[in-house]
C-alpha atoms as a PDB file:
ATOM      1  CA  MET A   1     -14.556  35.654  29.948  1.00  0.00           C
ATOM      2  CA  THR A   2     -15.682  34.477  26.823  1.00  0.00           C
ATOM      3  CA  LYS A   3     -14.652  31.351  25.090  1.00  0.00           C
ATOM      4  CA  THR A   4     -13.001  30.690  22.273  1.00  0.00           C
ATOM      5  CA  THR A   5     -12.294  27.599  20.060  1.00  0.00           C
ATOM      6  CA  GLY A   6      -9.556  27.675  17.191  1.00  0.00           C
ATOM      7  CA  ASN A   7      -6.478  28.940  16.775  1.00  0.00           C
ATOM      8  CA  HIS A   8      -5.866  32.300  17.272  1.00  0.00           C
ATOM      9  CA  ASP A   9      -6.131  33.513  13.661  1.00  0.00           C
ATOM     10  CA  GLY A  10      -9.866  32.681  14.058  1.00  0.00           C
ATOM     11  CA  THR A  11      -9.669  29.618  12.408  1.00  0.00           C
ATOM     12  CA  PRO A  12     -10.772  25.681  13.096  1.00  0.00           C
ATOM     13  CA  SER A  13      -8.106  23.993  15.334  1.00  0.00           C
ATOM     14  CA  ALA A  14      -7.778  20.140  14.142  1.00  0.00           C
ATOM     15  CA  LEU A  15     -10.410  19.281  17.391  1.00  0.00           C
ATOM     16  CA  ASP A  16     -12.631  21.354  15.719  1.00  0.00           C
ATOM     17  CA  ASN A  17     -11.970  19.872  11.956  1.00  0.00           C
ATOM     18  CA  PHE A  18     -12.495  16.781  13.102  1.00  0.00           C
ATOM     19  CA  LYS A  19     -15.917  17.107  16.034  1.00  0.00           C
ATOM     20  CA  PRO A  20     -18.196  15.961  13.980  1.00  0.00           C
ATOM     21  CA  LEU A  21     -16.319  13.005  12.472  1.00  0.00           C
ATOM     22  CA  LEU A  22     -15.814  12.012  16.235  1.00  0.00           C
ATOM     23  CA  ILE A  23     -19.055  12.155  17.147  1.00  0.00           C
ATOM     24  CA  ASP A  24     -20.767  10.396  13.706  1.00  0.00           C
ATOM     25  CA  VAL A  25     -18.079   7.575  14.194  1.00  0.00           C
ATOM     26  CA  ALA A  26     -17.525   7.084  18.249  1.00  0.00           C
ATOM     27  CA  VAL A  27     -20.973   8.271  19.510  1.00  0.00           C
ATOM     28  CA  PRO A  28     -22.388   5.588  17.340  1.00  0.00           C
ATOM     29  CA  LEU A  29     -20.378   2.721  18.310  1.00  0.00           C
ATOM     30  CA  GLY A  30     -20.371   3.292  21.485  1.00  0.00           C
ATOM     31  CA  SER A  31     -24.725   3.574  22.290  1.00  0.00           C
ATOM     32  CA  TYR A  32     -25.253   0.080  19.562  1.00  0.00           C
ATOM     33  CA  TYR A  33     -22.961  -1.664  22.252  1.00  0.00           C
ATOM     34  CA  LEU A  34     -24.541  -0.074  25.287  1.00  0.00           C
ATOM     35  CA  PHE A  35     -28.032  -0.206  23.687  1.00  0.00           C
ATOM     36  CA  LYS A  36     -27.102  -3.837  22.356  1.00  0.00           C
ATOM     37  CA  GLU A  37     -25.402  -5.040  26.013  1.00  0.00           C
ATOM     38  CA  ALA A  38     -26.934  -3.215  28.640  1.00  0.00           C
ATOM     39  CA  PHE A  39     -30.058  -2.614  27.461  1.00  0.00           C
ATOM     40  CA  GLY A  40     -30.484  -5.509  25.938  1.00  0.00           C
ATOM     41  CA  MET A  41     -32.049  -4.264  22.698  1.00  0.00           C
ATOM     42  CA  SER A  42     -32.060  -6.791  19.666  1.00  0.00           C
ATOM     43  CA  THR A  43     -29.356  -5.817  17.458  1.00  0.00           C
ATOM     44  CA  PHE A  44     -31.350  -4.153  14.797  1.00  0.00           C
ATOM     45  CA  ALA A  45     -32.834  -1.711  17.860  1.00  0.00           C
ATOM     46  CA  ALA A  46     -29.370  -0.890  18.779  1.00  0.00           C
ATOM     47  CA  LEU A  47     -28.460  -0.048  15.254  1.00  0.00           C
ATOM     48  CA  ALA A  48     -31.430   2.510  14.519  1.00  0.00           C
ATOM     49  CA  TRP A  49     -30.877   3.914  17.663  1.00  0.00           C
ATOM     50  CA  SER A  50     -27.376   4.677  17.305  1.00  0.00           C
ATOM     51  CA  SER A  51     -28.132   6.401  13.792  1.00  0.00           C
ATOM     52  CA  VAL A  52     -30.437   8.911  15.724  1.00  0.00           C
ATOM     53  CA  VAL A  53     -27.508  11.120  17.105  1.00  0.00           C
ATOM     54  CA  PRO A  54     -25.188  11.621  14.006  1.00  0.00           C
ATOM     55  CA  ALA A  55     -29.095  12.735  11.810  1.00  0.00           C
ATOM     56  CA  VAL A  56     -29.960  14.967  14.942  1.00  0.00           C
ATOM     57  CA  ARG A  57     -26.191  16.848  14.695  1.00  0.00           C
ATOM     58  CA  THR A  58     -27.171  17.150  10.874  1.00  0.00           C
ATOM     59  CA  VAL A  59     -30.141  18.714  11.685  1.00  0.00           C
ATOM     60  CA  TRP A  60     -28.386  21.186  14.401  1.00  0.00           C
ATOM     61  CA  SER A  61     -25.853  22.243  12.024  1.00  0.00           C
ATOM     62  CA  LEU A  62     -28.222  23.547   9.081  1.00  0.00           C
ATOM     63  CA  VAL A  63     -30.018  24.956  11.711  1.00  0.00           C
ATOM     64  CA  LYS A  64     -26.945  26.811  12.969  1.00  0.00           C
ATOM     65  CA  GLU A  65     -25.760  28.280  10.290  1.00  0.00           C
ATOM     66  CA  ARG A  66     -29.017  29.348   8.746  1.00  0.00           C
ATOM     67  CA  ARG A  67     -28.040  28.154   5.496  1.00  0.00           C
ATOM     68  CA  THR A  68     -28.393  25.642   3.083  1.00  0.00           C
ATOM     69  CA  ASN A  69     -24.772  23.462   2.738  1.00  0.00           C
ATOM     70  CA  ALA A  70     -25.725  20.787  -0.272  1.00  0.00           C
ATOM     71  CA  LEU A  71     -23.798  17.975   1.162  1.00  0.00           C
ATOM     72  CA  ALA A  72     -25.257  17.930   4.978  1.00  0.00           C
ATOM     73  CA  VAL A  73     -28.908  18.255   3.427  1.00  0.00           C
ATOM     74  CA  LEU A  74     -27.326  15.085   0.410  1.00  0.00           C
ATOM     75  CA  ILE A  75     -26.285  13.587   3.573  1.00  0.00           C
ATOM     76  CA  LEU A  76     -29.357  13.481   5.995  1.00  0.00           C
ATOM     77  CA  VAL A  77     -31.855  13.026   3.208  1.00  0.00           C
ATOM     78  CA  VAL A  78     -30.130   9.608   2.459  1.00  0.00           C
ATOM     79  CA  ASN A  79     -29.739   9.078   6.330  1.00  0.00           C
ATOM     80  CA  VAL A  80     -33.698   9.395   6.793  1.00  0.00           C
ATOM     81  CA  VAL A  81     -34.929   7.547   3.383  1.00  0.00           C
ATOM     82  CA  SER A  82     -32.109   4.922   3.907  1.00  0.00           C
ATOM     83  CA  LEU A  83     -33.276   4.805   7.609  1.00  0.00           C
ATOM     84  CA  LEU A  84     -36.868   4.163   6.774  1.00  0.00           C
ATOM     85  CA  LEU A  85     -36.422   1.570   4.400  1.00  0.00           C
ATOM     86  CA  SER A  86     -34.099  -0.444   7.382  1.00  0.00           C
ATOM     87  CA  PHE A  87     -37.474  -0.060   9.209  1.00  0.00           C
ATOM     88  CA  VAL A  88     -39.699  -1.656   6.513  1.00  0.00           C
ATOM     89  CA  SER A  89     -37.540  -4.692   6.283  1.00  0.00           C
ATOM     90  CA  GLY A  90     -36.245  -4.975   9.666  1.00  0.00           C
ATOM     91  CA  ASP A  91     -33.566  -6.031   8.448  1.00  0.00           C
ATOM     92  CA  PRO A  92     -29.964  -5.166  10.736  1.00  0.00           C
ATOM     93  CA  ARG A  93     -27.384  -5.900   7.724  1.00  0.00           C
ATOM     94  CA  LEU A  94     -29.575  -3.583   5.575  1.00  0.00           C
ATOM     95  CA  MET A  95     -29.364  -1.438   8.777  1.00  0.00           C
ATOM     96  CA  LEU A  96     -25.685  -1.484   8.247  1.00  0.00           C
ATOM     97  CA  ALA A  97     -25.711  -1.039   4.027  1.00  0.00           C
ATOM     98  CA  LYS A  98     -27.351   2.915   5.000  1.00  0.00           C
ATOM     99  CA  ASP A  99     -23.794   3.659   6.208  1.00  0.00           C
ATOM    100  CA  SER A 100     -22.665   2.731   2.489  1.00  0.00           C
ATOM    101  CA  GLY A 101     -26.267   4.347   0.615  1.00  0.00           C
ATOM    102  CA  VAL A 102     -24.804   7.723   2.377  1.00  0.00           C
ATOM    103  CA  SER A 103     -21.113   7.007   1.315  1.00  0.00           C
ATOM    104  CA  SER A 104     -22.281   6.358  -2.275  1.00  0.00           C
ATOM    105  CA  THR A 105     -24.559   8.978  -2.776  1.00  0.00           C
ATOM    106  CA  VAL A 106     -22.852  12.154  -1.851  1.00  0.00           C
ATOM    107  CA  ALA A 107     -19.253   9.932  -3.674  1.00  0.00           C
ATOM    108  CA  VAL A 108     -21.834  10.553  -7.007  1.00  0.00           C
ATOM    109  CA  GLY A 109     -22.848  13.757  -6.053  1.00  0.00           C
ATOM    110  CA  ILE A 110     -19.431  15.455  -5.913  1.00  0.00           C
ATOM    111  CA  LEU A 111     -18.107  12.842  -8.908  1.00  0.00           C
ATOM    112  CA  VAL A 112     -21.337  14.977 -10.639  1.00  0.00           C
ATOM    113  CA  SER A 113     -20.479  18.579  -9.377  1.00  0.00           C
ATOM    114  CA  VAL A 114     -16.493  18.262 -10.845  1.00  0.00           C
ATOM    115  CA  LEU A 115     -18.349  17.424 -14.993  1.00  0.00           C
ATOM    116  CA  LEU A 116     -20.964  19.831 -14.171  1.00  0.00           C
ATOM    117  CA  GLY A 117     -17.560  22.169 -12.859  1.00  0.00           C
ATOM    118  CA  LYS A 118     -18.569  22.984 -10.037  1.00  0.00           C
ATOM    119  CA  PRO A 119     -16.745  21.079  -7.621  1.00  0.00           C
ATOM    120  CA  MET A 120     -18.965  20.795  -4.217  1.00  0.00           C
ATOM    121  CA  MET A 121     -15.495  20.098  -2.468  1.00  0.00           C
ATOM    122  CA  THR A 122     -14.708  23.379  -2.862  1.00  0.00           C
ATOM    123  CA  GLU A 123     -16.621  25.221  -0.060  1.00  0.00           C
ATOM    124  CA  ALA A 124     -15.531  22.621   2.426  1.00  0.00           C
ATOM    125  CA  MET A 125     -11.537  23.767   1.412  1.00  0.00           C
ATOM    126  CA  LYS A 126     -11.692  27.173   1.289  1.00  0.00           C
ATOM    127  CA  PRO A 127     -11.120  27.592   4.862  1.00  0.00           C
ATOM    128  CA  PHE A 128      -8.598  25.457   4.668  1.00  0.00           C
ATOM    129  CA  LEU A 129      -6.437  28.170   2.526  1.00  0.00           C
ATOM    130  CA  VAL A 130      -8.649  31.261   3.090  1.00  0.00           C
ATOM    131  CA  LYS A 131      -7.723  30.928   7.009  1.00  0.00           C
ATOM    132  CA  GLY A 132      -9.931  34.076   8.152  1.00  0.00           C
ATOM    133  CA  ASP A 133      -7.574  36.573   5.829  1.00  0.00           C
ATOM    134  CA  PRO A 134      -9.047  38.890   3.928  1.00  0.00           C
ATOM    135  CA  ALA A 135      -5.504  38.847   1.544  1.00  0.00           C
ATOM    136  CA  ARG A 136      -6.354  35.219   1.068  1.00  0.00           C
ATOM    137  CA  GLU A 137     -10.036  35.302   0.691  1.00  0.00           C
ATOM    138  CA  ALA A 138      -9.322  38.280  -2.177  1.00  0.00           C
ATOM    139  CA  ALA A 139      -6.536  35.812  -4.122  1.00  0.00           C
ATOM    140  CA  PHE A 140      -8.783  33.119  -3.463  1.00  0.00           C
ATOM    141  CA  GLN A 141     -11.291  35.181  -5.182  1.00  0.00           C
ATOM    142  CA  ARG A 142      -9.407  35.712  -8.552  1.00  0.00           C
ATOM    143  CA  LEU A 143      -8.000  32.813  -8.821  1.00  0.00           C
ATOM    144  CA  MET A 144     -11.862  31.325  -8.918  1.00  0.00           C
ATOM    145  CA  SER A 145     -12.781  33.959 -11.412  1.00  0.00           C
ATOM    146  CA  GLY A 146     -10.264  33.408 -13.825  1.00  0.00           C
ATOM    147  CA  ALA A 147      -8.393  37.097 -12.955  1.00  0.00           C
ATOM    148  CA  ALA A 148      -5.143  35.422 -12.482  1.00  0.00           C
ATOM    149  CA  ALA A 149      -2.483  34.608 -14.277  1.00  0.00           C
ATOM    150  CA  GLY A 150      -2.346  31.360 -12.483  1.00  0.00           C
ATOM    151  CA  SER A 151      -6.455  30.597 -12.149  1.00  0.00           C
ATOM    152  CA  ALA A 152      -6.576  27.679 -14.845  1.00  0.00           C
ATOM    153  CA  ALA A 153      -3.668  25.729 -12.937  1.00  0.00           C
ATOM    154  CA  PHE A 154      -5.905  26.943  -9.890  1.00  0.00           C
ATOM    155  CA  ARG A 155      -9.258  25.137 -10.728  1.00  0.00           C
ATOM    156  CA  ARG A 156      -7.519  22.190 -11.874  1.00  0.00           C
ATOM    157  CA  LYS A 157      -6.692  21.268  -8.914  1.00  0.00           C
ATOM    158  CA  GLU A 158      -9.775  22.159  -7.746  1.00  0.00           C
ATOM    159  CA  ARG A 159     -11.632  19.931  -8.952  1.00  0.00           C
ATOM    160  CA  VAL A 160      -8.628  17.288  -8.598  1.00  0.00           C
ATOM    161  CA  PHE A 161      -9.652  18.587  -4.816  1.00  0.00           C
ATOM    162  CA  SER A 162     -13.523  17.147  -5.115  1.00  0.00           C
ATOM    163  CA  LEU A 163     -12.778  13.661  -7.473  1.00  0.00           C
ATOM    164  CA  VAL A 164      -9.901  12.332  -4.697  1.00  0.00           C
ATOM    165  CA  TRP A 165     -12.665  12.873  -2.247  1.00  0.00           C
ATOM    166  CA  GLY A 166     -15.632  11.774  -4.673  1.00  0.00           C
ATOM    167  CA  LEU A 167     -13.510   8.249  -5.502  1.00  0.00           C
ATOM    168  CA  VAL A 168     -12.298   7.892  -1.730  1.00  0.00           C
ATOM    169  CA  LEU A 169     -16.199   7.704  -1.080  1.00  0.00           C
ATOM    170  CA  LEU A 170     -17.085   5.401  -3.404  1.00  0.00           C
ATOM    171  CA  ALA A 171     -14.370   3.079  -2.016  1.00  0.00           C
ATOM    172  CA  GLU A 172     -15.435   3.755   1.070  1.00  0.00           C
ATOM    173  CA  CYS A 173     -18.776   2.523   0.053  1.00  0.00           C
ATOM    174  CA  VAL A 174     -18.531  -0.811  -1.667  1.00  0.00           C
ATOM    175  CA  LEU A 175     -16.114  -1.514   1.082  1.00  0.00           C
ATOM    176  CA  ARG A 176     -18.925  -1.394   3.866  1.00  0.00           C
ATOM    177  CA  VAL A 177     -21.476  -2.743   1.464  1.00  0.00           C
ATOM    178  CA  VAL A 178     -19.913  -5.724   1.006  1.00  0.00           C
ATOM    179  CA  GLY A 179     -18.940  -6.302   4.952  1.00  0.00           C
ATOM    180  CA  ALA A 180     -22.099  -5.345   5.770  1.00  0.00           C
ATOM    181  CA  TYR A 181     -23.620  -8.570   3.928  1.00  0.00           C
ATOM    182  CA  THR A 182     -20.403 -11.110   4.382  1.00  0.00           C
ATOM    183  CA  VAL A 183     -18.896  -9.979   7.688  1.00  0.00           C
ATOM    184  CA  PRO A 184     -21.000 -10.520  11.225  1.00  0.00           C
ATOM    185  CA  VAL A 185     -23.144  -7.894  12.030  1.00  0.00           C
ATOM    186  CA  ASP A 186     -21.086  -7.025  15.510  1.00  0.00           C
ATOM    187  CA  THR A 187     -18.192  -7.672  13.937  1.00  0.00           C
ATOM    188  CA  MET A 188     -19.034  -4.889  11.309  1.00  0.00           C
ATOM    189  CA  VAL A 189     -20.878  -2.402  13.497  1.00  0.00           C
ATOM    190  CA  TRP A 190     -16.876  -1.485  14.709  1.00  0.00           C
ATOM    191  CA  LEU A 191     -15.335  -2.842  11.728  1.00  0.00           C
ATOM    192  CA  GLY A 192     -17.441  -0.438   9.429  1.00  0.00           C
ATOM    193  CA  SER A 193     -16.531   2.504  11.313  1.00  0.00           C
ATOM    194  CA  VAL A 194     -12.700   1.470  10.757  1.00  0.00           C
ATOM    195  CA  VAL A 195     -13.057   1.642   7.659  1.00  0.00           C
ATOM    196  CA  LEU A 196     -14.569   4.925   7.027  1.00  0.00           C
ATOM    197  CA  VAL A 197     -11.955   5.970   9.440  1.00  0.00           C
ATOM    198  CA  ALA A 198      -9.235   5.269   6.913  1.00  0.00           C
ATOM    199  CA  ALA A 199     -11.010   6.564   4.088  1.00  0.00           C
ATOM    200  CA  MET A 200     -11.214   9.648   6.022  1.00  0.00           C
ATOM    201  CA  LEU A 201      -7.455  10.023   6.292  1.00  0.00           C
ATOM    202  CA  ILE A 202      -6.543   7.670   3.396  1.00  0.00           C
ATOM    203  CA  GLY A 203      -8.674  11.001   1.479  1.00  0.00           C
ATOM    204  CA  PHE A 204      -6.539  14.222   3.741  1.00  0.00           C
ATOM    205  CA  LEU A 205      -3.696  12.909   2.675  1.00  0.00           C
ATOM    206  CA  LEU A 206      -4.313  12.561  -0.827  1.00  0.00           C
ATOM    207  CA  SER A 207      -6.405  15.354  -1.467  1.00  0.00           C
ATOM    208  CA  GLY A 208      -3.969  17.148   0.473  1.00  0.00           C
ATOM    209  CA  GLY A 209      -0.568  15.791  -1.430  1.00  0.00           C
ATOM    210  CA  LEU A 210      -2.511  16.340  -4.849  1.00  0.00           C
ATOM    211  CA  ALA A 211      -4.638  19.424  -4.131  1.00  0.00           C
ATOM    212  CA  ALA A 212      -5.214  21.226  -0.973  1.00  0.00           C
ATOM    213  CA  GLY A 213      -1.071  21.694  -1.220  1.00  0.00           C
ATOM    214  CA  PRO A 214      -0.418  22.707  -4.282  1.00  0.00           C
ATOM    215  CA  MET A 215      -3.110  25.130  -4.039  1.00  0.00           C
ATOM    216  CA  GLU A 216      -1.980  26.722  -0.455  1.00  0.00           C
ATOM    217  CA  ASP A 217       1.184  27.786  -3.045  1.00  0.00           C
ATOM    218  CA  MET A 218      -0.794  29.662  -5.486  1.00  0.00           C
ATOM    219  CA  LEU A 219      -3.006  30.792  -3.466  1.00  0.00           C
ATOM    220  CA  THR A 220       0.344  32.612  -1.369  1.00  0.00           C
ATOM    221  CA  ALA A 221       2.652  33.428  -4.502  1.00  0.00           C
ATOM    222  CA  GLU A 222      -1.001  34.898  -5.941  1.00  0.00           C
ATOM    223  CA  VAL A 223      -1.001  36.866  -2.500  1.00  0.00           C
ATOM    224  CA  GLU A 224       2.570  38.000  -2.903  1.00  0.00           C
ATOM    225  CA  ALA A 225       1.632  39.240  -6.150  1.00  0.00           C
ATOM    226  CA  GLY A 226      -1.189  41.109  -4.986  1.00  0.00           C
ATOM    227  CA  ARG A 227       1.033  42.565  -2.779  1.00  0.00           C
ATOM    228  CA  ALA A 228       4.325  44.176  -5.128  1.00  0.00           C
ATOM    229  CA  GLU A 229       1.256  45.009  -7.999  1.00  0.00           C
ATOM    230  CA  ARG A 230      -0.446  47.881  -5.393  1.00  0.00           C
ATOM    231  CA  PRO A 231       2.749  49.616  -5.383  1.00  0.00           C
ATOM    232  CA  ALA A 232       3.357  49.418  -8.498  1.00  0.00           C
ATOM    233  CA  VAL A 233       0.082  50.843  -9.448  1.00  0.00           C
ATOM    234  CA  ALA A 234       0.139  53.577  -7.299  1.00  0.00           C
ATOM    235  CA  VAL A 235       3.774  55.193  -8.124  1.00  0.00           C
ATOM    236  CA  ALA A 236       2.117  55.318 -11.602  1.00  0.00           C
ATOM    237  CA  ALA A 237      -0.522  57.319 -10.752  1.00  0.00           C
END
């Protein structure tokens, strides 16, 4: 018997959606204390080894999907570069600050994509709106292409969604950089994870209320409009 994940309609479950975040937070945090307390590693070495799992997961995701994901590639590149810089300096506080470097680079990338009219977060948001439904997929494409009456409003909300995430990640970056150089290292290891999770929750709440929720309503309305239009076309023919 084949084991399936997600909901009955084929869309990812809440656990599926949060699994990468749980891995990137829980595994490095747990492995840091394991390496330091159980194996007696230095603070720097424990931080370095605990950074490996998120990087490997990102690489594996890219290989598994067999397609280029701009956001994942950006995160991987920044992770690798900042990790190498940390090894050169040997500074555990720089190792902690490198996570902020990831957030800031991604945040800037997202904000620039909004200015260019190609919001980076759209691909991450789309599955939540479309839900694997062909009718919703078609309605989404009409709204994005400008063929639907509500296209302009839909595209505005699309930009707001990415804008919210860009600003939230930028704020998270600032907090973690300040903490990396002012808070004791052992404290910042877990506090940084708390800041990250809090930023994600704020991002989900704000982007959902300001953009994703209204976009879902517009998408549903467009689906209904498309269904109402088809009988009218059939009668005219």
